[in-house]
Amino acid sequence: MASRTVLTGDDIDRAITRIAHEIVESNHGTKNLILLGIPTRGVLLAERIAKVIQRHYPEFSASASVGRLDITMYRDDLSLHPNRPVTETNIPAAGIDGAVVVLVDDVLYSGRTIRASLDALNAHGRPSVVRLAVLVDRGHRELPIRADFVGKNLPTSREERIRVQMSENDGENCVVIES
């Protein structure tokens, strides 16, 4: 299997910093801002984005504003993968009602994961606005969903696979296309 690195660790750091600033600019500050990562790497990205926001906007508390949203039971392909593990959902203590929620994931592909996350989100409250941040948008949408904040657009073929590696899980930071 051939692979090529399309984003290095430095590229990922720059993308995360840019996304963090775009989120704050879009929200006109940090008020009512909640970041919810979609397991597994979306959670790591949400935490990294929150740390950048907190570093530049001290009124923002990363620990009080980041959570994780498990979407397993809301997926439309659950019957194809019945042994998919359910992970913990962790909504910040302030809740999401009336908040500006940014869903964070590593790769946007068909849009089905995000559709499931919107359904899961509704089970936990009613945000005033929901936005989407992704590290990589690879195209091939099957649903009318687009990201508000994108680290890198990577047009791919359906046969290719995007592998996001993050040091917390994988020992290194990079994005690789495998064909």
Protein backbone atom coordinates (compact mmCIF):
# COMPACT_ATOMS: atom_id res chain seq x y z
CA MET A 1 0.00 0.00 0.00
CA ALA A 2 1.50 3.33 -1.07
CA SER A 3 1.25 6.29 1.29
CA ARG A 4 2.31 9.90 1.29
CA THR A 5 2.37 12.43 4.08
CA VAL A 6 0.22 15.45 3.21
CA LEU A 7 0.37 17.27 6.57
CA THR A 8 3.30 17.24 8.97
CA GLY A 9 3.06 17.92 12.68
CA ASP A 10 3.91 21.60 12.07
CA ASP A 11 1.21 21.81 9.37
CA ILE A 12 -1.33 20.36 11.83
CA ASP A 13 -0.30 22.84 14.53
CA ARG A 14 -0.70 25.76 12.11
CA ALA A 15 -4.11 24.49 10.99
CA ILE A 16 -5.28 24.11 14.60
CA THR A 17 -4.12 27.63 15.45
CA ARG A 18 -5.90 29.06 12.40
CA ILE A 19 -9.10 27.15 13.17
CA ALA A 20 -9.02 28.36 16.79
CA HIS A 21 -8.78 31.99 15.71
CA GLU A 22 -11.48 31.55 13.04
CA ILE A 23 -13.83 30.06 15.63
CA VAL A 24 -13.35 33.00 18.01
CA GLU A 25 -13.69 35.52 15.18
CA SER A 26 -16.88 33.87 13.90
CA ASN A 27 -18.31 33.85 17.43
CA HIS A 28 -17.22 37.48 18.09
CA GLY A 29 -15.34 36.28 21.17
CA THR A 30 -15.46 33.28 23.44
CA LYS A 31 -18.81 33.84 25.15
CA ASN A 32 -21.06 30.73 25.26
CA LEU A 33 -18.51 28.75 23.23
CA ILE A 34 -18.46 24.96 23.64
CA LEU A 35 -16.25 22.54 21.67
CA LEU A 36 -17.46 18.96 21.38
CA GLY A 37 -15.08 16.44 19.89
CA ILE A 38 -16.26 13.32 18.11
CA PRO A 39 -14.22 10.33 19.36
CA THR A 40 -11.46 9.57 18.96
CA ARG A 41 -9.30 12.10 17.17
CA GLY A 42 -12.01 14.77 17.12
CA VAL A 43 -11.77 14.90 20.92
CA LEU A 44 -7.99 15.37 20.75
CA LEU A 45 -8.41 18.11 18.15
CA ALA A 46 -11.08 19.86 20.24
CA GLU A 47 -8.74 19.83 23.24
CA ARG A 48 -5.88 21.26 21.17
CA ILE A 49 -8.09 23.98 19.67
CA ALA A 50 -9.36 24.89 23.15
CA LYS A 51 -5.79 25.20 24.46
CA VAL A 52 -4.94 27.63 21.65
CA ILE A 53 -8.08 29.67 22.36
CA GLN A 54 -7.30 29.75 26.08
CA ARG A 55 -3.71 30.84 25.41
CA HIS A 56 -4.88 33.84 23.38
CA TYR A 57 -8.15 34.58 25.23
CA PRO A 58 -7.59 34.07 28.97
CA GLU A 59 -11.31 34.48 29.74
CA PHE A 60 -11.90 31.15 27.96
CA SER A 61 -11.57 28.03 30.10
CA ALA A 62 -10.56 25.03 28.03
CA SER A 63 -11.38 22.59 30.82
CA ALA A 64 -14.91 23.99 31.27
CA SER A 65 -15.66 24.36 27.56
CA VAL A 66 -14.61 21.09 25.93
CA GLY A 67 -16.49 17.82 25.85
CA ARG A 68 -16.89 14.65 23.86
CA LEU A 69 -19.96 13.45 21.98
CA ASP A 70 -20.32 9.73 21.37
CA ILE A 71 -22.41 9.14 18.26
CA THR A 72 -22.31 5.34 18.10
CA MET A 73 -26.01 4.70 18.72
CA TYR A 74 -27.00 7.40 16.20
CA ARG A 75 -25.02 6.02 13.26
CA ASP A 76 -26.93 4.75 10.23
CA ASP A 77 -24.40 1.95 9.68
CA LEU A 78 -24.66 0.39 13.13
CA SER A 79 -26.14 -2.80 11.70
CA LEU A 80 -23.04 -3.19 9.49
CA HIS A 81 -20.73 -2.80 12.52
CA PRO A 82 -22.73 -4.09 15.52
CA ASN A 83 -19.63 -4.51 17.71
CA ARG A 84 -18.65 -0.84 17.51
CA PRO A 85 -17.75 0.26 21.06
CA VAL A 86 -19.84 2.92 22.78
CA THR A 87 -17.71 5.55 24.51
CA GLU A 88 -18.58 8.12 27.12
CA THR A 89 -20.32 11.37 26.20
CA ASN A 90 -19.11 14.24 28.34
CA ILE A 91 -21.01 17.53 28.05
CA PRO A 92 -19.48 20.51 29.91
CA ALA A 93 -21.20 21.29 33.23
CA ALA A 94 -22.82 24.46 31.89
CA GLY A 95 -24.66 22.36 29.30
CA ILE A 96 -25.26 23.23 25.67
CA ASP A 97 -28.66 24.96 25.83
CA GLY A 98 -28.24 28.36 24.19
CA ALA A 99 -24.53 27.77 23.59
CA VAL A 100 -22.53 28.08 20.41
CA VAL A 101 -21.42 24.49 19.88
CA VAL A 102 -18.56 23.64 17.56
CA LEU A 103 -18.46 19.96 16.63
CA VAL A 104 -14.89 18.87 15.96
CA ASP A 105 -13.81 15.86 13.91
CA ASP A 106 -10.65 14.80 12.13
CA VAL A 107 -11.92 13.99 8.62
CA LEU A 108 -15.11 15.04 6.83
CA TYR A 109 -16.00 12.53 4.13
CA SER A 110 -19.58 11.43 3.40
CA GLY A 111 -21.19 13.60 6.08
CA ARG A 112 -22.84 10.64 7.80
CA THR A 113 -20.78 10.96 10.99
CA ILE A 114 -21.81 14.60 11.28
CA ARG A 115 -25.47 13.74 10.66
CA ALA A 116 -25.24 11.25 13.51
CA SER A 117 -23.54 13.84 15.72
CA LEU A 118 -26.37 16.32 15.11
CA ASP A 119 -28.88 13.66 16.21
CA ALA A 120 -26.77 12.86 19.29
CA LEU A 121 -26.43 16.55 20.09
CA ASN A 122 -30.23 16.98 20.13
CA ALA A 123 -30.43 14.35 22.87
CA HIS A 124 -28.36 16.62 25.14
CA GLY A 125 -29.93 20.02 24.64
CA ARG A 126 -30.64 22.83 22.23
CA PRO A 127 -27.66 25.00 21.26
CA SER A 128 -28.28 28.40 19.70
CA VAL A 129 -25.82 27.62 16.88
CA VAL A 130 -23.97 24.51 15.75
CA ARG A 131 -20.81 24.82 13.68
CA LEU A 132 -18.39 22.22 12.34
CA ALA A 133 -14.57 22.21 12.47
CA VAL A 134 -12.53 19.50 10.75
CA LEU A 135 -8.84 19.01 10.23
CA VAL A 136 -9.33 17.49 6.75
CA ASP A 137 -12.19 17.80 4.24
CA ARG A 138 -11.70 15.13 1.62
CA GLY A 139 -14.92 15.64 -0.37
CA HIS A 140 -17.32 12.91 -1.55
CA ARG A 141 -20.31 14.13 0.44
CA GLU A 142 -23.42 11.95 0.51
CA LEU A 143 -25.39 14.45 2.61
CA PRO A 144 -25.70 18.26 2.33
CA ILE A 145 -23.18 19.00 5.08
CA ARG A 146 -20.18 21.32 4.95
CA ALA A 147 -17.58 22.38 7.48
CA ASP A 148 -17.40 25.95 8.76
CA PHE A 149 -13.73 25.64 9.71
CA VAL A 150 -11.32 23.45 7.70
CA GLY A 151 -7.65 22.80 8.32
CA LYS A 152 -6.98 21.47 4.83
CA ASN A 153 -9.09 20.52 1.81
CA LEU A 154 -7.64 17.31 0.36
CA PRO A 155 -9.43 16.13 -2.78
CA THR A 156 -9.16 12.35 -2.85
CA SER A 157 -10.47 9.40 -4.77
CA ARG A 158 -12.90 7.07 -3.04
CA GLU A 159 -10.23 4.34 -3.14
CA GLU A 160 -7.81 6.40 -1.09
CA ARG A 161 -7.83 6.48 2.69
CA ILE A 162 -6.94 9.42 4.93
CA ARG A 163 -5.11 8.46 8.12
CA VAL A 164 -4.81 11.14 10.80
CA GLN A 165 -2.19 10.37 13.41
CA MET A 166 -1.97 12.30 16.64
CA SER A 167 0.80 11.98 19.19
CA GLU A 168 -1.61 11.31 22.07
CA ASN A 169 -2.79 8.08 20.39
CA ASP A 170 -0.33 7.30 17.63
CA GLY A 171 3.02 8.64 18.81
CA GLU A 172 3.33 11.18 15.99
CA ASN A 173 1.40 14.00 14.33
CA CYS A 174 0.74 13.72 10.62
CA VAL A 175 -1.91 13.17 7.98
CA VAL A 176 -1.24 10.48 5.42
CA ILE A 177 -3.06 9.50 2.22
CA GLU A 178 -2.93 5.76 1.56
CA SER A 179 -3.75 4.29 -1.83
